[in-house]
Amino acid sequence: MAEREVDRSVSQTVKAQLALRDQILSGALRPGERISELQAVETTGASRTPVRMALVRLEEEGLLEAIPSGGFMVKAFSERDISDSIELRGTLEGLAARFAAERGVSARELEPLKECLAAIDELLRQVPISIEAFSSYVTLNARFHALLTELSRSPPLIRQIDRASALPFASPSGFVMAQSALPEAQQILIIGQEHHRVVIDAIENREGARAEAIMREHARLAVRNLRLALRNRTHLDLLPALALIKSATD
């Protein structure tokens, strides 16, 4: 009975955490807005203990900030905060690619990565790329990065990459939907896809330094996407969470 109660509490915590994160990233909760425990209970439908845990987890993720007088506040981010988070992810993914290259990967293990690459190539043949194609790209791009990380065969490194990717806006596809409205959109995706192609080649040829360098450069492309998205906020409906970020000119 006690075990079932613990499982139920954990499930409620995750449910509340996801619901509150969605409210923040959808723009329903604005930067600087206070969230009380009672308010979170009402909006998520979870009980107080799971909600309390969910709020603490969102603080750990960096989306909330604890207020000394009690409760939490939706956090705003500087452009540097986000670019540093992306750089951190790129450094870790670079290490994963180097491990994969140096430890060796079989043709069979690389096959899912190449299938993912081919699926992205098919999307990029559309001119112009539709919003639906951008959405599909987000899924495929996330899969590519996850598969690449797994090839490192390093559980400690995989855990750290998962943590870095959970930082606000630091995931591999964090700004893809926002960039879909930009004139440079297709060119940026083509460059990113070339990075994907080159890192597979480097891993196949066991070129660890090359594989690491290309993944770090790949992350810098995400930083460029961030800057472009912040300069052009006319399509906030595609990524309402951009409202949480203060650009360097704000």
C-alpha atoms as a PDB file:
ATOM      1  CA  MET A   1       0.000   0.000   0.000  1.00  0.00           C
ATOM      2  CA  ALA A   2       2.802   2.389   1.019  1.00  0.00           C
ATOM      3  CA  GLU A   3       4.660   1.641  -2.227  1.00  0.00           C
ATOM      4  CA  ARG A   4       1.563   2.464  -4.300  1.00  0.00           C
ATOM      5  CA  GLU A   5       1.213   5.764  -2.426  1.00  0.00           C
ATOM      6  CA  VAL A   6       4.840   6.665  -3.222  1.00  0.00           C
ATOM      7  CA  ASP A   7       4.326   5.798  -6.923  1.00  0.00           C
ATOM      8  CA  ARG A   8       1.176   7.920  -6.996  1.00  0.00           C
ATOM      9  CA  SER A   9       2.987  10.866  -5.399  1.00  0.00           C
ATOM     10  CA  VAL A  10       5.868  10.620  -7.900  1.00  0.00           C
ATOM     11  CA  SER A  11       3.386  10.445 -10.786  1.00  0.00           C
ATOM     12  CA  GLN A  12       1.542  13.519  -9.500  1.00  0.00           C
ATOM     13  CA  THR A  13       4.832  15.390  -9.104  1.00  0.00           C
ATOM     14  CA  VAL A  14       5.819  14.677 -12.712  1.00  0.00           C
ATOM     15  CA  LYS A  15       2.340  15.643 -13.929  1.00  0.00           C
ATOM     16  CA  ALA A  16       2.456  18.933 -12.010  1.00  0.00           C
ATOM     17  CA  GLN A  17       6.000  19.637 -13.182  1.00  0.00           C
ATOM     18  CA  LEU A  18       5.076  19.130 -16.841  1.00  0.00           C
ATOM     19  CA  ALA A  19       1.907  21.220 -16.510  1.00  0.00           C
ATOM     20  CA  LEU A  20       3.711  24.128 -14.855  1.00  0.00           C
ATOM     21  CA  ARG A  21       6.613  23.959 -17.325  1.00  0.00           C
ATOM     22  CA  ASP A  22       4.119  24.115 -20.183  1.00  0.00           C
ATOM     23  CA  GLN A  23       2.450  27.186 -18.643  1.00  0.00           C
ATOM     24  CA  ILE A  24       5.830  28.920 -18.433  1.00  0.00           C
ATOM     25  CA  LEU A  25       7.085  27.987 -21.906  1.00  0.00           C
ATOM     26  CA  SER A  26       3.722  28.718 -23.549  1.00  0.00           C
ATOM     27  CA  GLY A  27       3.785  32.259 -22.188  1.00  0.00           C
ATOM     28  CA  ALA A  28       0.779  31.733 -19.897  1.00  0.00           C
ATOM     29  CA  LEU A  29       3.062  32.654 -16.986  1.00  0.00           C
ATOM     30  CA  ARG A  30       5.193  35.726 -17.656  1.00  0.00           C
ATOM     31  CA  PRO A  31       8.735  36.587 -16.481  1.00  0.00           C
ATOM     32  CA  GLY A  32       8.611  38.026 -12.969  1.00  0.00           C
ATOM     33  CA  GLU A  33       5.160  36.569 -12.279  1.00  0.00           C
ATOM     34  CA  ARG A  34       4.806  35.003  -8.850  1.00  0.00           C
ATOM     35  CA  ILE A  35       3.555  31.433  -8.441  1.00  0.00           C
ATOM     36  CA  SER A  36       2.279  30.361  -5.057  1.00  0.00           C
ATOM     37  CA  GLU A  37       1.884  26.763  -3.978  1.00  0.00           C
ATOM     38  CA  LEU A  38      -1.872  27.211  -3.690  1.00  0.00           C
ATOM     39  CA  GLN A  39      -2.109  28.716  -7.187  1.00  0.00           C
ATOM     40  CA  ALA A  40      -0.117  25.786  -8.599  1.00  0.00           C
ATOM     41  CA  VAL A  41      -2.417  23.302  -6.848  1.00  0.00           C
ATOM     42  CA  GLU A  42      -5.439  24.965  -8.475  1.00  0.00           C
ATOM     43  CA  THR A  43      -3.966  25.086 -11.991  1.00  0.00           C
ATOM     44  CA  THR A  44      -2.487  21.562 -12.045  1.00  0.00           C
ATOM     45  CA  GLY A  45      -5.100  19.662 -10.039  1.00  0.00           C
ATOM     46  CA  ALA A  46      -2.357  17.929  -8.022  1.00  0.00           C
ATOM     47  CA  SER A  47      -2.177  17.890  -4.239  1.00  0.00           C
ATOM     48  CA  ARG A  48       0.148  20.144  -2.244  1.00  0.00           C
ATOM     49  CA  THR A  49       3.077  17.785  -1.608  1.00  0.00           C
ATOM     50  CA  PRO A  50       3.608  16.825  -5.292  1.00  0.00           C
ATOM     51  CA  VAL A  51       3.160  20.480  -6.302  1.00  0.00           C
ATOM     52  CA  ARG A  52       5.770  21.548  -3.758  1.00  0.00           C
ATOM     53  CA  MET A  53       8.222  19.001  -5.233  1.00  0.00           C
ATOM     54  CA  ALA A  54       7.367  20.103  -8.791  1.00  0.00           C
ATOM     55  CA  LEU A  55       8.114  23.735  -7.959  1.00  0.00           C
ATOM     56  CA  VAL A  56      11.481  22.776  -6.452  1.00  0.00           C
ATOM     57  CA  ARG A  57      12.348  20.742  -9.567  1.00  0.00           C
ATOM     58  CA  LEU A  58      11.469  23.666 -11.833  1.00  0.00           C
ATOM     59  CA  GLU A  59      13.720  25.857  -9.719  1.00  0.00           C
ATOM     60  CA  GLU A  60      16.510  23.302 -10.236  1.00  0.00           C
ATOM     61  CA  GLU A  61      15.829  23.404 -14.001  1.00  0.00           C
ATOM     62  CA  GLY A  62      16.249  27.168 -13.871  1.00  0.00           C
ATOM     63  CA  LEU A  63      12.725  28.147 -14.901  1.00  0.00           C
ATOM     64  CA  LEU A  64      11.716  29.413 -11.446  1.00  0.00           C
ATOM     65  CA  GLU A  65      13.425  31.450  -8.764  1.00  0.00           C
ATOM     66  CA  ALA A  66      12.615  31.074  -5.056  1.00  0.00           C
ATOM     67  CA  ILE A  67      11.352  34.235  -3.335  1.00  0.00           C
ATOM     68  CA  PRO A  68      12.695  34.827   0.215  1.00  0.00           C
ATOM     69  CA  SER A  69       9.213  35.690   1.476  1.00  0.00           C
ATOM     70  CA  GLY A  70       7.828  32.414   0.123  1.00  0.00           C
ATOM     71  CA  GLY A  71       6.700  31.040  -3.217  1.00  0.00           C
ATOM     72  CA  PHE A  72       8.446  31.215  -6.577  1.00  0.00           C
ATOM     73  CA  MET A  73       8.801  33.652  -9.455  1.00  0.00           C
ATOM     74  CA  VAL A  74       9.091  32.922 -13.190  1.00  0.00           C
ATOM     75  CA  LYS A  75      12.681  33.616 -14.128  1.00  0.00           C
ATOM     76  CA  ALA A  76      13.877  35.744 -17.034  1.00  0.00           C
ATOM     77  CA  PHE A  77      17.091  34.831 -18.858  1.00  0.00           C
ATOM     78  CA  SER A  78      19.830  36.859 -20.445  1.00  0.00           C
ATOM     79  CA  GLU A  79      21.116  36.041 -23.907  1.00  0.00           C
ATOM     80  CA  ARG A  80      24.408  35.052 -22.260  1.00  0.00           C
ATOM     81  CA  ASP A  81      22.657  32.578 -19.932  1.00  0.00           C
ATOM     82  CA  ILE A  82      21.219  30.744 -22.921  1.00  0.00           C
ATOM     83  CA  SER A  83      24.355  30.859 -25.075  1.00  0.00           C
ATOM     84  CA  ASP A  84      26.412  29.497 -22.143  1.00  0.00           C
ATOM     85  CA  SER A  85      23.928  26.635 -21.693  1.00  0.00           C
ATOM     86  CA  ILE A  86      24.093  25.777 -25.402  1.00  0.00           C
ATOM     87  CA  GLU A  87      27.906  25.936 -25.315  1.00  0.00           C
ATOM     88  CA  LEU A  88      27.912  23.547 -22.359  1.00  0.00           C
ATOM     89  CA  ARG A  89      25.722  21.070 -24.236  1.00  0.00           C
ATOM     90  CA  GLY A  90      27.960  21.347 -27.313  1.00  0.00           C
ATOM     91  CA  THR A  91      31.074  20.647 -25.267  1.00  0.00           C
ATOM     92  CA  LEU A  92      29.503  17.507 -23.792  1.00  0.00           C
ATOM     93  CA  GLU A  93      28.146  16.308 -27.150  1.00  0.00           C
ATOM     94  CA  GLY A  94      31.595  16.878 -28.630  1.00  0.00           C
ATOM     95  CA  LEU A  95      33.042  14.591 -25.985  1.00  0.00           C
ATOM     96  CA  ALA A  96      30.369  11.982 -26.770  1.00  0.00           C
ATOM     97  CA  ALA A  97      31.263  12.112 -30.472  1.00  0.00           C
ATOM     98  CA  ARG A  98      34.971  11.760 -29.640  1.00  0.00           C
ATOM     99  CA  PHE A  99      34.296   8.758 -27.410  1.00  0.00           C
ATOM    100  CA  ALA A 100      32.228   7.143 -30.165  1.00  0.00           C
ATOM    101  CA  ALA A 101      34.994   7.693 -32.737  1.00  0.00           C
ATOM    102  CA  GLU A 102      37.841   6.551 -30.515  1.00  0.00           C
ATOM    103  CA  ARG A 103      36.039   3.533 -29.059  1.00  0.00           C
ATOM    104  CA  GLY A 104      34.780   2.418 -32.453  1.00  0.00           C
ATOM    105  CA  VAL A 105      31.259   1.984 -33.788  1.00  0.00           C
ATOM    106  CA  SER A 106      30.030  -0.792 -36.071  1.00  0.00           C
ATOM    107  CA  ALA A 107      28.218  -0.189 -39.358  1.00  0.00           C
ATOM    108  CA  ARG A 108      25.112  -1.714 -37.788  1.00  0.00           C
ATOM    109  CA  GLU A 109      25.241   0.740 -34.871  1.00  0.00           C
ATOM    110  CA  LEU A 110      25.562   3.670 -37.279  1.00  0.00           C
ATOM    111  CA  GLU A 111      22.601   2.578 -39.402  1.00  0.00           C
ATOM    112  CA  PRO A 112      19.854   4.269 -37.298  1.00  0.00           C
ATOM    113  CA  LEU A 113      21.859   7.500 -37.400  1.00  0.00           C
ATOM    114  CA  LYS A 114      22.157   7.311 -41.185  1.00  0.00           C
ATOM    115  CA  GLU A 115      18.432   6.576 -41.528  1.00  0.00           C
ATOM    116  CA  CYS A 116      17.718   9.678 -39.468  1.00  0.00           C
ATOM    117  CA  LEU A 117      20.076  11.657 -41.707  1.00  0.00           C
ATOM    118  CA  ALA A 118      18.248  10.451 -44.820  1.00  0.00           C
ATOM    119  CA  ALA A 119      14.871  11.407 -43.342  1.00  0.00           C
ATOM    120  CA  ILE A 120      16.128  14.946 -42.639  1.00  0.00           C
ATOM    121  CA  ASP A 121      17.518  15.155 -46.196  1.00  0.00           C
ATOM    122  CA  GLU A 122      14.027  14.350 -47.485  1.00  0.00           C
ATOM    123  CA  LEU A 123      12.523  17.194 -45.435  1.00  0.00           C
ATOM    124  CA  LEU A 124      15.124  19.679 -46.663  1.00  0.00           C
ATOM    125  CA  ARG A 125      14.209  18.994 -50.298  1.00  0.00           C
ATOM    126  CA  GLN A 126      11.034  21.030 -49.732  1.00  0.00           C
ATOM    127  CA  VAL A 127      11.299  24.598 -51.024  1.00  0.00           C
ATOM    128  CA  PRO A 128      10.185  26.439 -49.045  1.00  0.00           C
ATOM    129  CA  ILE A 129      10.101  24.234 -45.948  1.00  0.00           C
ATOM    130  CA  SER A 130       6.620  24.087 -44.430  1.00  0.00           C
ATOM    131  CA  ILE A 131       5.823  24.565 -40.748  1.00  0.00           C
ATOM    132  CA  GLU A 132       4.864  20.876 -40.651  1.00  0.00           C
ATOM    133  CA  ALA A 133       8.302  19.964 -42.013  1.00  0.00           C
ATOM    134  CA  PHE A 134       9.972  22.124 -39.367  1.00  0.00           C
ATOM    135  CA  SER A 135       7.960  20.279 -36.723  1.00  0.00           C
ATOM    136  CA  SER A 136       9.097  16.926 -38.144  1.00  0.00           C
ATOM    137  CA  TYR A 137      12.668  18.224 -38.199  1.00  0.00           C
ATOM    138  CA  VAL A 138      12.477  18.943 -34.457  1.00  0.00           C
ATOM    139  CA  THR A 139      11.611  15.280 -33.789  1.00  0.00           C
ATOM    140  CA  LEU A 140      14.254  13.893 -36.144  1.00  0.00           C
ATOM    141  CA  ASN A 141      16.945  16.266 -34.918  1.00  0.00           C
ATOM    142  CA  ALA A 142      16.272  15.279 -31.289  1.00  0.00           C
ATOM    143  CA  ARG A 143      16.520  11.606 -32.320  1.00  0.00           C
ATOM    144  CA  PHE A 144      19.818  12.198 -34.160  1.00  0.00           C
ATOM    145  CA  HIS A 145      21.382  13.839 -31.102  1.00  0.00           C
ATOM    146  CA  ALA A 146      20.082  11.122 -28.763  1.00  0.00           C
ATOM    147  CA  LEU A 147      21.450   8.348 -30.994  1.00  0.00           C
ATOM    148  CA  LEU A 148      24.806  10.098 -31.256  1.00  0.00           C
ATOM    149  CA  THR A 149      25.013  10.450 -27.481  1.00  0.00           C
ATOM    150  CA  GLU A 150      24.262   6.739 -26.980  1.00  0.00           C
ATOM    151  CA  LEU A 151      27.200   5.802 -29.255  1.00  0.00           C
ATOM    152  CA  SER A 152      29.573   7.185 -26.609  1.00  0.00           C
ATOM    153  CA  ARG A 153      28.819   4.125 -24.445  1.00  0.00           C
ATOM    154  CA  SER A 154      29.346   6.349 -21.419  1.00  0.00           C
ATOM    155  CA  PRO A 155      26.404   6.358 -18.975  1.00  0.00           C
ATOM    156  CA  PRO A 156      27.924   9.181 -16.845  1.00  0.00           C
ATOM    157  CA  LEU A 157      28.364  11.369 -19.927  1.00  0.00           C
ATOM    158  CA  ILE A 158      24.859  10.562 -21.216  1.00  0.00           C
ATOM    159  CA  ARG A 159      23.407  11.634 -17.865  1.00  0.00           C
ATOM    160  CA  GLN A 160      25.292  14.930 -17.996  1.00  0.00           C
ATOM    161  CA  ILE A 161      24.143  15.605 -21.569  1.00  0.00           C
ATOM    162  CA  ASP A 162      20.532  14.930 -20.539  1.00  0.00           C
ATOM    163  CA  ARG A 163      20.915  17.401 -17.683  1.00  0.00           C
ATOM    164  CA  ALA A 164      22.513  20.038 -19.921  1.00  0.00           C
ATOM    165  CA  SER A 165      19.795  19.612 -22.554  1.00  0.00           C
ATOM    166  CA  ALA A 166      17.128  20.147 -19.882  1.00  0.00           C
ATOM    167  CA  LEU A 167      18.493  23.621 -19.148  1.00  0.00           C
ATOM    168  CA  PRO A 168      16.108  26.284 -20.479  1.00  0.00           C
ATOM    169  CA  PHE A 169      16.400  26.560 -24.279  1.00  0.00           C
ATOM    170  CA  ALA A 170      19.591  24.450 -24.430  1.00  0.00           C
ATOM    171  CA  SER A 171      18.139  21.415 -26.230  1.00  0.00           C
ATOM    172  CA  PRO A 172      19.331  20.674 -29.799  1.00  0.00           C
ATOM    173  CA  SER A 173      16.062  21.970 -31.318  1.00  0.00           C
ATOM    174  CA  GLY A 174      15.414  24.761 -28.844  1.00  0.00           C
ATOM    175  CA  PHE A 175      14.969  27.494 -31.460  1.00  0.00           C
ATOM    176  CA  VAL A 176      14.043  25.563 -34.607  1.00  0.00           C
ATOM    177  CA  MET A 177      10.378  26.578 -34.616  1.00  0.00           C
ATOM    178  CA  ALA A 178      11.255  30.240 -33.969  1.00  0.00           C
ATOM    179  CA  GLN A 179      13.712  30.266 -36.863  1.00  0.00           C
ATOM    180  CA  SER A 180      11.118  28.776 -39.239  1.00  0.00           C
ATOM    181  CA  ALA A 181       9.790  32.266 -39.992  1.00  0.00           C
ATOM    182  CA  LEU A 182      13.234  33.719 -40.805  1.00  0.00           C
ATOM    183  CA  PRO A 183      14.531  34.241 -44.364  1.00  0.00           C
ATOM    184  CA  GLU A 184      17.718  32.332 -43.440  1.00  0.00           C
ATOM    185  CA  ALA A 185      15.776  29.323 -42.124  1.00  0.00           C
ATOM    186  CA  GLN A 186      16.469  26.801 -44.877  1.00  0.00           C
ATOM    187  CA  GLN A 187      20.153  27.715 -45.137  1.00  0.00           C
ATOM    188  CA  ILE A 188      20.637  27.258 -41.379  1.00  0.00           C
ATOM    189  CA  LEU A 189      19.079  23.782 -41.493  1.00  0.00           C
ATOM    190  CA  ILE A 190      21.247  22.827 -44.476  1.00  0.00           C
ATOM    191  CA  ILE A 191      24.393  23.859 -42.579  1.00  0.00           C
ATOM    192  CA  GLY A 192      23.247  21.915 -39.523  1.00  0.00           C
ATOM    193  CA  GLN A 193      22.572  18.853 -41.663  1.00  0.00           C
ATOM    194  CA  GLU A 194      26.075  19.081 -43.137  1.00  0.00           C
ATOM    195  CA  HIS A 195      27.427  19.046 -39.581  1.00  0.00           C
ATOM    196  CA  HIS A 196      25.411  15.854 -38.983  1.00  0.00           C
ATOM    197  CA  ARG A 197      26.899  14.286 -42.113  1.00  0.00           C
ATOM    198  CA  VAL A 198      30.470  15.233 -41.220  1.00  0.00           C
ATOM    199  CA  VAL A 199      30.285  13.933 -37.648  1.00  0.00           C
ATOM    200  CA  ILE A 200      29.060  10.535 -38.897  1.00  0.00           C
ATOM    201  CA  ASP A 201      31.978  10.439 -41.328  1.00  0.00           C
ATOM    202  CA  ALA A 202      34.436  11.362 -38.555  1.00  0.00           C
ATOM    203  CA  ILE A 203      33.067   8.623 -36.275  1.00  0.00           C
ATOM    204  CA  GLU A 204      33.239   6.050 -39.087  1.00  0.00           C
ATOM    205  CA  ASN A 205      36.870   6.974 -39.724  1.00  0.00           C
ATOM    206  CA  ARG A 206      37.687   7.028 -35.985  1.00  0.00           C
ATOM    207  CA  GLU A 207      38.723  10.684 -36.074  1.00  0.00           C
ATOM    208  CA  GLY A 208      38.001  11.674 -32.501  1.00  0.00           C
ATOM    209  CA  ALA A 209      39.299  15.253 -32.580  1.00  0.00           C
ATOM    210  CA  ARG A 210      37.394  16.009 -35.790  1.00  0.00           C
ATOM    211  CA  ALA A 211      34.149  14.528 -34.434  1.00  0.00           C
ATOM    212  CA  GLU A 212      34.476  16.565 -31.240  1.00  0.00           C
ATOM    213  CA  ALA A 213      35.227  19.804 -33.091  1.00  0.00           C
ATOM    214  CA  ILE A 214      32.246  19.510 -35.442  1.00  0.00           C
ATOM    215  CA  MET A 215      29.777  18.950 -32.588  1.00  0.00           C
ATOM    216  CA  ARG A 216      31.105  21.980 -30.740  1.00  0.00           C
ATOM    217  CA  GLU A 217      30.725  24.020 -33.925  1.00  0.00           C
ATOM    218  CA  HIS A 218      27.227  22.570 -34.346  1.00  0.00           C
ATOM    219  CA  ALA A 219      26.256  24.010 -30.959  1.00  0.00           C
ATOM    220  CA  ARG A 220      27.555  27.420 -32.035  1.00  0.00           C
ATOM    221  CA  LEU A 221      25.067  27.274 -34.899  1.00  0.00           C
ATOM    222  CA  ALA A 222      22.332  26.989 -32.254  1.00  0.00           C
ATOM    223  CA  VAL A 223      23.716  30.152 -30.627  1.00  0.00           C
ATOM    224  CA  ARG A 224      23.388  31.876 -33.995  1.00  0.00           C
ATOM    225  CA  ASN A 225      19.771  30.690 -34.175  1.00  0.00           C
ATOM    226  CA  LEU A 226      19.187  32.193 -30.735  1.00  0.00           C
ATOM    227  CA  ARG A 227      20.478  35.587 -31.851  1.00  0.00           C
ATOM    228  CA  LEU A 228      18.431  35.558 -35.038  1.00  0.00           C
ATOM    229  CA  ALA A 229      15.278  34.587 -33.139  1.00  0.00           C
ATOM    230  CA  LEU A 230      15.825  37.369 -30.592  1.00  0.00           C
ATOM    231  CA  ARG A 231      16.321  39.959 -33.316  1.00  0.00           C
ATOM    232  CA  ASN A 232      13.078  38.954 -35.010  1.00  0.00           C
ATOM    233  CA  ARG A 233      10.294  38.496 -32.444  1.00  0.00           C
ATOM    234  CA  THR A 234       7.461  39.077 -34.892  1.00  0.00           C
ATOM    235  CA  HIS A 235       6.505  35.397 -34.777  1.00  0.00           C
ATOM    236  CA  LEU A 236       6.366  34.823 -31.027  1.00  0.00           C
ATOM    237  CA  ASP A 237       3.396  32.500 -31.592  1.00  0.00           C
ATOM    238  CA  LEU A 238       5.878  29.905 -32.881  1.00  0.00           C
ATOM    239  CA  LEU A 239       7.924  30.025 -29.669  1.00  0.00           C
ATOM    240  CA  PRO A 240       6.183  32.037 -26.927  1.00  0.00           C
ATOM    241  CA  ALA A 241       8.993  31.179 -24.498  1.00  0.00           C
ATOM    242  CA  LEU A 242      11.208  33.724 -26.284  1.00  0.00           C
ATOM    243  CA  ALA A 243       9.464  36.288 -24.094  1.00  0.00           C
ATOM    244  CA  LEU A 244      11.501  34.874 -21.178  1.00  0.00           C
ATOM    245  CA  ILE A 245      14.779  35.920 -22.817  1.00  0.00           C
ATOM    246  CA  LYS A 246      16.238  39.404 -22.645  1.00  0.00           C
ATOM    247  CA  SER A 247      18.361  40.143 -25.707  1.00  0.00           C
ATOM    248  CA  ALA A 248      21.654  42.014 -25.379  1.00  0.00           C
ATOM    249  CA  THR A 249      19.911  45.165 -26.629  1.00  0.00           C
ATOM    250  CA  ASP A 250      16.989  44.986 -24.157  1.00  0.00           C
END
